[in-house]
Amino acid sequence: KGLIYGFWMLLIAGISGLLYGLAAGILIQPLIFVIIFSTLLIIVNFFISALLMLLNTVLLMPFKKSFSNITRYFSWSFGIFIVFFLTYTLINYSGIHVF
């Protein structure tokens, strides 16, 4: 489900960047900026979810306790992270990010 939500988030971010660019008179730069900025926020979110997953595994698993919400949060964050990071990598290596 994280991949599906990641694609939807990428589509919505792209449309919002295009709409802003359409109003401003430039199309590509706002689109790329929105994707790059969103990717940075999603990377931070992924690292927070990975830290929580690590703490859940290290501190709670020995006592046979675990929070399934943390596992779900990590898996959704990982899916969204994959979609945005691959898109960011494609933008970075394509050379269209130069303003």
PDB file of N, CA and C in Angstrom:
ATOM      1  N   LYS A   1       0.817  -1.196   0.000  1.00  0.00           N
ATOM      2  CA  LYS A   1       0.000   0.000   0.000  1.00  0.00           C
ATOM      3  C   LYS A   1       0.856   1.254   0.000  1.00  0.00           C
ATOM      4  N   GLY A   2       2.045   1.177   0.554  1.00  0.00           N
ATOM      5  CA  GLY A   2       2.921   2.338   0.575  1.00  0.00           C
ATOM      6  C   GLY A   2       3.324   2.772  -0.823  1.00  0.00           C
ATOM      7  N   LEU A   3       3.533   1.804  -1.723  1.00  0.00           N
ATOM      8  CA  LEU A   3       3.875   2.148  -3.098  1.00  0.00           C
ATOM      9  C   LEU A   3       2.722   2.852  -3.798  1.00  0.00           C
ATOM     10  N   ILE A   4       1.519   2.365  -3.565  1.00  0.00           N
ATOM     11  CA  ILE A   4       0.349   2.987  -4.183  1.00  0.00           C
ATOM     12  C   ILE A   4       0.166   4.412  -3.670  1.00  0.00           C
ATOM     13  N   TYR A   5       0.271   4.586  -2.357  1.00  0.00           N
ATOM     14  CA  TYR A   5       0.166   5.933  -1.795  1.00  0.00           C
ATOM     15  C   TYR A   5       1.318   6.822  -2.261  1.00  0.00           C
ATOM     16  N   GLY A   6       2.486   6.228  -2.438  1.00  0.00           N
ATOM     17  CA  GLY A   6       3.619   6.985  -2.946  1.00  0.00           C
ATOM     18  C   GLY A   6       3.377   7.509  -4.350  1.00  0.00           C
ATOM     19  N   PHE A   7       2.812   6.648  -5.207  1.00  0.00           N
ATOM     20  CA  PHE A   7       2.496   7.103  -6.565  1.00  0.00           C
ATOM     21  C   PHE A   7       1.427   8.194  -6.560  1.00  0.00           C
ATOM     22  N   TRP A   8       0.422   8.042  -5.710  1.00  0.00           N
ATOM     23  CA  TRP A   8      -0.621   9.075  -5.616  1.00  0.00           C
ATOM     24  C   TRP A   8      -0.038  10.385  -5.100  1.00  0.00           C
ATOM     25  N   MET A   9       0.820  10.304  -4.092  1.00  0.00           N
ATOM     26  CA  MET A   9       1.437  11.512  -3.551  1.00  0.00           C
ATOM     27  C   MET A   9       2.322  12.182  -4.598  1.00  0.00           C
ATOM     28  N   LEU A  10       3.044  11.372  -5.374  1.00  0.00           N
ATOM     29  CA  LEU A  10       3.897  11.919  -6.427  1.00  0.00           C
ATOM     30  C   LEU A  10       3.050  12.599  -7.497  1.00  0.00           C
ATOM     31  N   LEU A  11       1.943  11.982  -7.862  1.00  0.00           N
ATOM     32  CA  LEU A  11       1.052  12.565  -8.856  1.00  0.00           C
ATOM     33  C   LEU A  11       0.458  13.887  -8.367  1.00  0.00           C
ATOM     34  N   ILE A  12       0.001  13.906  -7.128  1.00  0.00           N
ATOM     35  CA  ILE A  12      -0.586  15.128  -6.568  1.00  0.00           C
ATOM     36  C   ILE A  12       0.469  16.230  -6.423  1.00  0.00           C
ATOM     37  N   ALA A  13       1.680  15.848  -6.001  1.00  0.00           N
ATOM     38  CA  ALA A  13       2.758  16.838  -5.901  1.00  0.00           C
ATOM     39  C   ALA A  13       3.111  17.386  -7.278  1.00  0.00           C
ATOM     40  N   GLY A  14       3.159  16.517  -8.273  1.00  0.00           N
ATOM     41  CA  GLY A  14       3.459  16.978  -9.624  1.00  0.00           C
ATOM     42  C   GLY A  14       2.390  17.893 -10.178  1.00  0.00           C
ATOM     43  N   ILE A  15       1.138  17.547  -9.951  1.00  0.00           N
ATOM     44  CA  ILE A  15       0.041  18.394 -10.434  1.00  0.00           C
ATOM     45  C   ILE A  15       0.060  19.751  -9.733  1.00  0.00           C
ATOM     46  N   SER A  16       0.319  19.759  -8.435  1.00  0.00           N
ATOM     47  CA  SER A  16       0.353  21.046  -7.733  1.00  0.00           C
ATOM     48  C   SER A  16       1.526  21.897  -8.213  1.00  0.00           C
ATOM     49  N   GLY A  17       2.676  21.274  -8.492  1.00  0.00           N
ATOM     50  CA  GLY A  17       3.799  22.026  -9.040  1.00  0.00           C
ATOM     51  C   GLY A  17       3.508  22.561 -10.427  1.00  0.00           C
ATOM     52  N   LEU A  18       2.833  21.749 -11.252  1.00  0.00           N
ATOM     53  CA  LEU A  18       2.468  22.208 -12.588  1.00  0.00           C
ATOM     54  C   LEU A  18       1.454  23.349 -12.544  1.00  0.00           C
ATOM     55  N   LEU A  19       0.483  23.252 -11.640  1.00  0.00           N
ATOM     56  CA  LEU A  19      -0.506  24.324 -11.530  1.00  0.00           C
ATOM     57  C   LEU A  19       0.131  25.628 -11.068  1.00  0.00           C
ATOM     58  N   TYR A  20       1.046  25.523 -10.121  1.00  0.00           N
ATOM     59  CA  TYR A  20       1.749  26.731  -9.692  1.00  0.00           C
ATOM     60  C   TYR A  20       2.596  27.286 -10.830  1.00  0.00           C
ATOM     61  N   GLY A  21       3.261  26.399 -11.552  1.00  0.00           N
ATOM     62  CA  GLY A  21       4.074  26.830 -12.681  1.00  0.00           C
ATOM     63  C   GLY A  21       3.246  27.441 -13.791  1.00  0.00           C
ATOM     64  N   LEU A  22       2.052  26.895 -13.991  1.00  0.00           N
ATOM     65  CA  LEU A  22       1.157  27.454 -14.998  1.00  0.00           C
ATOM     66  C   LEU A  22       0.745  28.875 -14.631  1.00  0.00           C
ATOM     67  N   ALA A  23       0.485  29.111 -13.359  1.00  0.00           N
ATOM     68  CA  ALA A  23       0.115  30.447 -12.900  1.00  0.00           C
ATOM     69  C   ALA A  23       1.300  31.407 -12.969  1.00  0.00           C
ATOM     70  N   ALA A  24       2.503  30.881 -12.755  1.00  0.00           N
ATOM     71  CA  ALA A  24       3.691  31.732 -12.757  1.00  0.00           C
ATOM     72  C   ALA A  24       4.296  31.899 -14.150  1.00  0.00           C
ATOM     73  N   GLY A  25       3.914  31.031 -15.089  1.00  0.00           N
ATOM     74  CA  GLY A  25       4.435  31.137 -16.441  1.00  0.00           C
ATOM     75  C   GLY A  25       5.587  30.205 -16.758  1.00  0.00           C
ATOM     76  N   ILE A  26       6.025  29.432 -15.783  1.00  0.00           N
ATOM     77  CA  ILE A  26       7.074  28.435 -16.004  1.00  0.00           C
ATOM     78  C   ILE A  26       6.540  27.097 -15.500  1.00  0.00           C
ATOM     79  N   LEU A  27       6.797  26.028 -16.250  1.00  0.00           N
ATOM     80  CA  LEU A  27       6.174  24.758 -15.895  1.00  0.00           C
ATOM     81  C   LEU A  27       7.119  23.781 -15.205  1.00  0.00           C
ATOM     82  N   ILE A  28       8.304  23.587 -15.722  1.00  0.00           N
ATOM     83  CA  ILE A  28       9.155  22.494 -15.270  1.00  0.00           C
ATOM     84  C   ILE A  28       9.802  22.770 -13.906  1.00  0.00           C
ATOM     85  N   GLN A  29      10.309  23.958 -13.686  1.00  0.00           N
ATOM     86  CA  GLN A  29      11.035  24.241 -12.448  1.00  0.00           C
ATOM     87  C   GLN A  29      10.189  24.074 -11.188  1.00  0.00           C
ATOM     88  N   PRO A  30       8.943  24.577 -11.130  1.00  0.00           N
ATOM     89  CA  PRO A  30       8.146  24.334  -9.920  1.00  0.00           C
ATOM     90  C   PRO A  30       7.820  22.851  -9.723  1.00  0.00           C
ATOM     91  N   LEU A  31       7.595  22.121 -10.805  1.00  0.00           N
ATOM     92  CA  LEU A  31       7.338  20.685 -10.711  1.00  0.00           C
ATOM     93  C   LEU A  31       8.517  19.966 -10.086  1.00  0.00           C
ATOM     94  N   ILE A  32       9.701  20.261 -10.570  1.00  0.00           N
ATOM     95  CA  ILE A  32      10.905  19.610 -10.047  1.00  0.00           C
ATOM     96  C   ILE A  32      11.162  20.035  -8.603  1.00  0.00           C
ATOM     97  N   PHE A  33      10.956  21.312  -8.304  1.00  0.00           N
ATOM     98  CA  PHE A  33      11.169  21.778  -6.938  1.00  0.00           C
ATOM     99  C   PHE A  33      10.248  21.068  -5.950  1.00  0.00           C
ATOM    100  N   VAL A  34       8.986  20.925  -6.311  1.00  0.00           N
ATOM    101  CA  VAL A  34       8.025  20.256  -5.418  1.00  0.00           C
ATOM    102  C   VAL A  34       8.441  18.813  -5.182  1.00  0.00           C
ATOM    103  N   ILE A  35       8.883  18.125  -6.209  1.00  0.00           N
ATOM    104  CA  ILE A  35       9.288  16.728  -6.052  1.00  0.00           C
ATOM    105  C   ILE A  35      10.545  16.621  -5.201  1.00  0.00           C
ATOM    106  N   ILE A  36      11.532  17.495  -5.438  1.00  0.00           N
ATOM    107  CA  ILE A  36      12.769  17.449  -4.651  1.00  0.00           C
ATOM    108  C   ILE A  36      12.497  17.799  -3.192  1.00  0.00           C
ATOM    109  N   PHE A  37      11.716  18.843  -2.948  1.00  0.00           N
ATOM    110  CA  PHE A  37      11.413  19.244  -1.574  1.00  0.00           C
ATOM    111  C   PHE A  37      10.614  18.156  -0.853  1.00  0.00           C
ATOM    112  N   SER A  38       9.643  17.573  -1.535  1.00  0.00           N
ATOM    113  CA  SER A  38       8.858  16.489  -0.927  1.00  0.00           C
ATOM    114  C   SER A  38       9.728  15.281  -0.633  1.00  0.00           C
ATOM    115  N   THR A  39      10.688  15.008  -1.514  1.00  0.00           N
ATOM    116  CA  THR A  39      11.587  13.878  -1.288  1.00  0.00           C
ATOM    117  C   THR A  39      12.406  14.080  -0.025  1.00  0.00           C
ATOM    118  N   LEU A  40      12.870  15.288   0.211  1.00  0.00           N
ATOM    119  CA  LEU A  40      13.635  15.551   1.439  1.00  0.00           C
ATOM    120  C   LEU A  40      12.780  15.302   2.683  1.00  0.00           C
ATOM    121  N   LEU A  41      11.526  15.752   2.651  1.00  0.00           N
ATOM    122  CA  LEU A  41      10.639  15.513   3.795  1.00  0.00           C
ATOM    123  C   LEU A  41      10.340  14.028   3.975  1.00  0.00           C
ATOM    124  N   ILE A  42      10.188  13.309   2.878  1.00  0.00           N
ATOM    125  CA  ILE A  42       9.886  11.881   2.958  1.00  0.00           C
ATOM    126  C   ILE A  42      11.099  11.095   3.438  1.00  0.00           C
ATOM    127  N   ILE A  43      12.304  11.537   3.105  1.00  0.00           N
ATOM    128  CA  ILE A  43      13.507  10.889   3.620  1.00  0.00           C
ATOM    129  C   ILE A  43      13.576  11.050   5.135  1.00  0.00           C
ATOM    130  N   VAL A  44      13.283  12.244   5.631  1.00  0.00           N
ATOM    131  CA  VAL A  44      13.267  12.462   7.084  1.00  0.00           C
ATOM    132  C   VAL A  44      12.213  11.578   7.741  1.00  0.00           C
ATOM    133  N   ASN A  45      11.027  11.495   7.134  1.00  0.00           N
ATOM    134  CA  ASN A  45       9.965  10.642   7.669  1.00  0.00           C
ATOM    135  C   ASN A  45      10.389   9.177   7.683  1.00  0.00           C
ATOM    136  N   PHE A  46      11.078   8.738   6.640  1.00  0.00           N
ATOM    137  CA  PHE A  46      11.532   7.350   6.587  1.00  0.00           C
ATOM    138  C   PHE A  46      12.551   7.054   7.678  1.00  0.00           C
ATOM    139  N   PHE A  47      13.481   7.975   7.910  1.00  0.00           N
ATOM    140  CA  PHE A  47      14.471   7.738   8.953  1.00  0.00           C
ATOM    141  C   PHE A  47      13.844   7.724  10.344  1.00  0.00           C
ATOM    142  N   ILE A  48      12.832   8.527  10.553  1.00  0.00           N
ATOM    143  CA  ILE A  48      12.127   8.489  11.835  1.00  0.00           C
ATOM    144  C   ILE A  48      11.408   7.151  12.000  1.00  0.00           C
ATOM    145  N   SER A  49      10.765   6.678  10.937  1.00  0.00           N
ATOM    146  CA  SER A  49      10.073   5.384  11.028  1.00  0.00           C
ATOM    147  C   SER A  49      11.065   4.242  11.205  1.00  0.00           C
ATOM    148  N   ALA A  50      12.239   4.341  10.569  1.00  0.00           N
ATOM    149  CA  ALA A  50      13.255   3.302  10.744  1.00  0.00           C
ATOM    150  C   ALA A  50      13.789   3.302  12.172  1.00  0.00           C
ATOM    151  N   LEU A  51      13.963   4.482  12.751  1.00  0.00           N
ATOM    152  CA  LEU A  51      14.416   4.573  14.141  1.00  0.00           C
ATOM    153  C   LEU A  51      13.381   3.973  15.087  1.00  0.00           C
ATOM    154  N   LEU A  52      12.110   4.286  14.858  1.00  0.00           N
ATOM    155  CA  LEU A  52      11.056   3.711  15.694  1.00  0.00           C
ATOM    156  C   LEU A  52      10.984   2.191  15.531  1.00  0.00           C
ATOM    157  N   MET A  53      11.168   1.713  14.320  1.00  0.00           N
ATOM    158  CA  MET A  53      11.156   0.270  14.081  1.00  0.00           C
ATOM    159  C   MET A  53      12.328  -0.398  14.788  1.00  0.00           C
ATOM    160  N   LEU A  54      13.484   0.234  14.758  1.00  0.00           N
ATOM    161  CA  LEU A  54      14.659  -0.297  15.453  1.00  0.00           C
ATOM    162  C   LEU A  54      14.429  -0.324  16.960  1.00  0.00           C
ATOM    163  N   LEU A  55      13.881   0.754  17.502  1.00  0.00           N
ATOM    164  CA  LEU A  55      13.593   0.787  18.936  1.00  0.00           C
ATOM    165  C   LEU A  55      12.531  -0.247  19.313  1.00  0.00           C
ATOM    166  N   ASN A  56      11.554  -0.425  18.450  1.00  0.00           N
ATOM    167  CA  ASN A  56      10.521  -1.432  18.690  1.00  0.00           C
ATOM    168  C   ASN A  56      11.132  -2.827  18.703  1.00  0.00           C
ATOM    169  N   THR A  57      12.044  -3.077  17.780  1.00  0.00           N
ATOM    170  CA  THR A  57      12.670  -4.393  17.691  1.00  0.00           C
ATOM    171  C   THR A  57      13.624  -4.644  18.846  1.00  0.00           C
ATOM    172  N   VAL A  58      14.457  -3.666  19.154  1.00  0.00           N
ATOM    173  CA  VAL A  58      15.495  -3.869  20.166  1.00  0.00           C
ATOM    174  C   VAL A  58      14.927  -3.845  21.582  1.00  0.00           C
ATOM    175  N   LEU A  59      14.029  -2.912  21.869  1.00  0.00           N
ATOM    176  CA  LEU A  59      13.569  -2.741  23.236  1.00  0.00           C
ATOM    177  C   LEU A  59      12.344  -3.584  23.600  1.00  0.00           C
ATOM    178  N   LEU A  60      11.437  -3.811  22.654  1.00  0.00           N
ATOM    179  CA  LEU A  60      10.187  -4.475  23.003  1.00  0.00           C
ATOM    180  C   LEU A  60      10.134  -5.953  22.616  1.00  0.00           C
ATOM    181  N   MET A  61      10.852  -6.344  21.584  1.00  0.00           N
ATOM    182  CA  MET A  61      10.793  -7.741  21.150  1.00  0.00           C
ATOM    183  C   MET A  61      11.320  -8.726  22.202  1.00  0.00           C
ATOM    184  N   PRO A  62      12.375  -8.393  22.946  1.00  0.00           N
ATOM    185  CA  PRO A  62      12.818  -9.361  23.967  1.00  0.00           C
ATOM    186  C   PRO A  62      11.755  -9.641  25.038  1.00  0.00           C
ATOM    187  N   PHE A  63      10.839  -8.720  25.235  1.00  0.00           N
ATOM    188  CA  PHE A  63       9.783  -8.905  26.228  1.00  0.00           C
ATOM    189  C   PHE A  63       8.484  -9.404  25.595  1.00  0.00           C
ATOM    190  N   LYS A  64       8.562  -9.850  24.344  1.00  0.00           N
ATOM    191  CA  LYS A  64       7.421 -10.386  23.595  1.00  0.00           C
ATOM    192  C   LYS A  64       6.307  -9.352  23.441  1.00  0.00           C
ATOM    193  N   LYS A  65       6.709  -8.081  23.367  1.00  0.00           N
ATOM    194  CA  LYS A  65       5.755  -7.013  23.097  1.00  0.00           C
ATOM    195  C   LYS A  65       6.161  -6.346  21.801  1.00  0.00           C
ATOM    196  N   SER A  66       5.197  -5.887  21.083  1.00  0.00           N
ATOM    197  CA  SER A  66       5.459  -5.187  19.846  1.00  0.00           C
ATOM    198  C   SER A  66       4.237  -4.366  19.482  1.00  0.00           C
ATOM    199  N   PHE A  67       4.463  -3.280  18.798  1.00  0.00           N
ATOM    200  CA  PHE A  67       3.365  -2.456  18.324  1.00  0.00           C
ATOM    201  C   PHE A  67       3.234  -2.645  16.820  1.00  0.00           C
ATOM    202  N   SER A  68       2.101  -3.164  16.398  1.00  0.00           N
ATOM    203  CA  SER A  68       1.903  -3.391  14.971  1.00  0.00           C
ATOM    204  C   SER A  68       1.750  -2.078  14.221  1.00  0.00           C
ATOM    205  N   ASN A  69       1.351  -1.021  14.911  1.00  0.00           N
ATOM    206  CA  ASN A  69       1.239   0.287  14.253  1.00  0.00           C
ATOM    207  C   ASN A  69       2.598   0.789  13.776  1.00  0.00           C
ATOM    208  N   ILE A  70       3.643   0.508  14.532  1.00  0.00           N
ATOM    209  CA  ILE A  70       4.983   0.928  14.138  1.00  0.00           C
ATOM    210  C   ILE A  70       5.432   0.153  12.907  1.00  0.00           C
ATOM    211  N   THR A  71       5.130  -1.118  12.849  1.00  0.00           N
ATOM    212  CA  THR A  71       5.478  -1.930  11.679  1.00  0.00           C
ATOM    213  C   THR A  71       4.732  -1.438  10.445  1.00  0.00           C
ATOM    214  N   ARG A  72       3.466  -1.127  10.591  1.00  0.00           N
ATOM    215  CA  ARG A  72       2.678  -0.602   9.476  1.00  0.00           C
ATOM    216  C   ARG A  72       3.209   0.759   9.042  1.00  0.00           C
ATOM    217  N   TYR A  73       3.545   1.612   9.995  1.00  0.00           N
ATOM    218  CA  TYR A  73       4.095   2.933   9.690  1.00  0.00           C
ATOM    219  C   TYR A  73       5.411   2.800   8.928  1.00  0.00           C
ATOM    220  N   PHE A  74       6.253   1.863   9.343  1.00  0.00           N
ATOM    221  CA  PHE A  74       7.528   1.659   8.663  1.00  0.00           C
ATOM    222  C   PHE A  74       7.320   1.134   7.243  1.00  0.00           C
ATOM    223  N   SER A  75       6.418   0.189   7.069  1.00  0.00           N
ATOM    224  CA  SER A  75       6.230  -0.384   5.735  1.00  0.00           C
ATOM    225  C   SER A  75       5.627   0.634   4.769  1.00  0.00           C
ATOM    226  N   TRP A  76       4.690   1.453   5.221  1.00  0.00           N
ATOM    227  CA  TRP A  76       4.125   2.490   4.359  1.00  0.00           C
ATOM    228  C   TRP A  76       5.175   3.560   4.052  1.00  0.00           C
ATOM    229  N   SER A  77       5.941   3.940   5.045  1.00  0.00           N
ATOM    230  CA  SER A  77       6.991   4.943   4.822  1.00  0.00           C
ATOM    231  C   SER A  77       8.048   4.419   3.869  1.00  0.00           C
ATOM    232  N   PHE A  78       8.360   3.141   3.959  1.00  0.00           N
ATOM    233  CA  PHE A  78       9.357   2.556   3.074  1.00  0.00           C
ATOM    234  C   PHE A  78       8.870   2.548   1.624  1.00  0.00           C
ATOM    235  N   GLY A  79       7.601   2.212   1.414  1.00  0.00           N
ATOM    236  CA  GLY A  79       7.043   2.228   0.061  1.00  0.00           C
ATOM    237  C   GLY A  79       7.045   3.622  -0.540  1.00  0.00           C
ATOM    238  N   ILE A  80       6.635   4.604   0.246  1.00  0.00           N
ATOM    239  CA  ILE A  80       6.621   5.993  -0.228  1.00  0.00           C
ATOM    240  C   ILE A  80       8.047   6.475  -0.482  1.00  0.00           C
ATOM    241  N   PHE A  81       8.972   6.083   0.386  1.00  0.00           N
ATOM    242  CA  PHE A  81      10.379   6.443   0.230  1.00  0.00           C
ATOM    243  C   PHE A  81      10.938   5.886  -1.077  1.00  0.00           C
ATOM    244  N   ILE A  82      10.603   4.653  -1.414  1.00  0.00           N
ATOM    245  CA  ILE A  82      11.102   4.042  -2.651  1.00  0.00           C
ATOM    246  C   ILE A  82      10.622   4.828  -3.866  1.00  0.00           C
ATOM    247  N   VAL A  83       9.340   5.145  -3.907  1.00  0.00           N
ATOM    248  CA  VAL A  83       8.784   5.865  -5.061  1.00  0.00           C
ATOM    249  C   VAL A  83       9.445   7.228  -5.218  1.00  0.00           C
ATOM    250  N   PHE A  84       9.521   7.994  -4.152  1.00  0.00           N
ATOM    251  CA  PHE A  84      10.069   9.343  -4.260  1.00  0.00           C
ATOM    252  C   PHE A  84      11.575   9.334  -4.476  1.00  0.00           C
ATOM    253  N   PHE A  85      12.283   8.407  -3.856  1.00  0.00           N
ATOM    254  CA  PHE A  85      13.734   8.382  -4.026  1.00  0.00           C
ATOM    255  C   PHE A  85      14.114   7.960  -5.439  1.00  0.00           C
ATOM    256  N   LEU A  86      13.377   7.007  -6.017  1.00  0.00           N
ATOM    257  CA  LEU A  86      13.643   6.631  -7.405  1.00  0.00           C
ATOM    258  C   LEU A  86      13.345   7.788  -8.351  1.00  0.00           C
ATOM    259  N   THR A  87      12.258   8.508  -8.102  1.00  0.00           N
ATOM    260  CA  THR A  87      11.935   9.673  -8.924  1.00  0.00           C
ATOM    261  C   THR A  87      12.999  10.754  -8.773  1.00  0.00           C
ATOM    262  N   TYR A  88      13.446  10.990  -7.557  1.00  0.00           N
ATOM    263  CA  TYR A  88      14.503  11.968  -7.306  1.00  0.00           C
ATOM    264  C   TYR A  88      15.782  11.568  -8.027  1.00  0.00           C
ATOM    265  N   THR A  89      16.115  10.295  -7.993  1.00  0.00           N
ATOM    266  CA  THR A  89      17.320   9.807  -8.665  1.00  0.00           C
ATOM    267  C   THR A  89      17.204   9.981 -10.174  1.00  0.00           C
ATOM    268  N   LEU A  90      16.043   9.684 -10.729  1.00  0.00           N
ATOM    269  CA  LEU A  90      15.843   9.884 -12.164  1.00  0.00           C
ATOM    270  C   LEU A  90      15.962  11.355 -12.551  1.00  0.00           C
ATOM    271  N   ILE A  91      15.397  12.231 -11.733  1.00  0.00           N
ATOM    272  CA  ILE A  91      15.507  13.668 -12.007  1.00  0.00           C
ATOM    273  C   ILE A  91      16.955  14.113 -11.903  1.00  0.00           C
ATOM    274  N   ASN A  92      17.667  13.604 -10.917  1.00  0.00           N
ATOM    275  CA  ASN A  92      19.038  14.014 -10.686  1.00  0.00           C
ATOM    276  C   ASN A  92      19.950  13.575 -11.822  1.00  0.00           C
ATOM    277  N   TYR A  93      19.784  12.356 -12.323  1.00  0.00           N
ATOM    278  CA  TYR A  93      20.651  11.857 -13.374  1.00  0.00           C
ATOM    279  C   TYR A  93      20.203  12.245 -14.775  1.00  0.00           C
ATOM    280  N   SER A  94      19.007  12.766 -14.939  1.00  0.00           N
ATOM    281  CA  SER A  94      18.550  13.169 -16.262  1.00  0.00           C
ATOM    282  C   SER A  94      19.090  14.548 -16.636  1.00  0.00           C
ATOM    283  N   GLY A  95      19.427  15.352 -15.666  1.00  0.00           N
ATOM    284  CA  GLY A  95      19.982  16.678 -15.934  1.00  0.00           C
ATOM    285  C   GLY A  95      18.928  17.757 -16.104  1.00  0.00           C
ATOM    286  N   ILE A  96      17.654  17.452 -15.874  1.00  0.00           N
ATOM    287  CA  ILE A  96      16.631  18.479 -16.042  1.00  0.00           C
ATOM    288  C   ILE A  96      16.458  19.329 -14.795  1.00  0.00           C
ATOM    289  N   HIS A  97      17.169  19.015 -13.747  1.00  0.00           N
ATOM    290  CA  HIS A  97      17.019  19.770 -12.504  1.00  0.00           C
ATOM    291  C   HIS A  97      17.844  21.045 -12.491  1.00  0.00           C
ATOM    292  N   VAL A  98      18.650  21.275 -13.516  1.00  0.00           N
ATOM    293  CA  VAL A  98      19.464  22.486 -13.568  1.00  0.00           C
ATOM    294  C   VAL A  98      18.564  23.665 -13.926  1.00  0.00           C
ATOM    295  N   PHE A  99      18.636  24.687 -13.096  1.00  0.00           N
ATOM    296  CA  PHE A  99      17.758  25.851 -13.311  1.00  0.00           C
ATOM    297  C   PHE A  99      18.514  26.945 -14.013  1.00  0.00           C
TER     298      PHE A  99
END
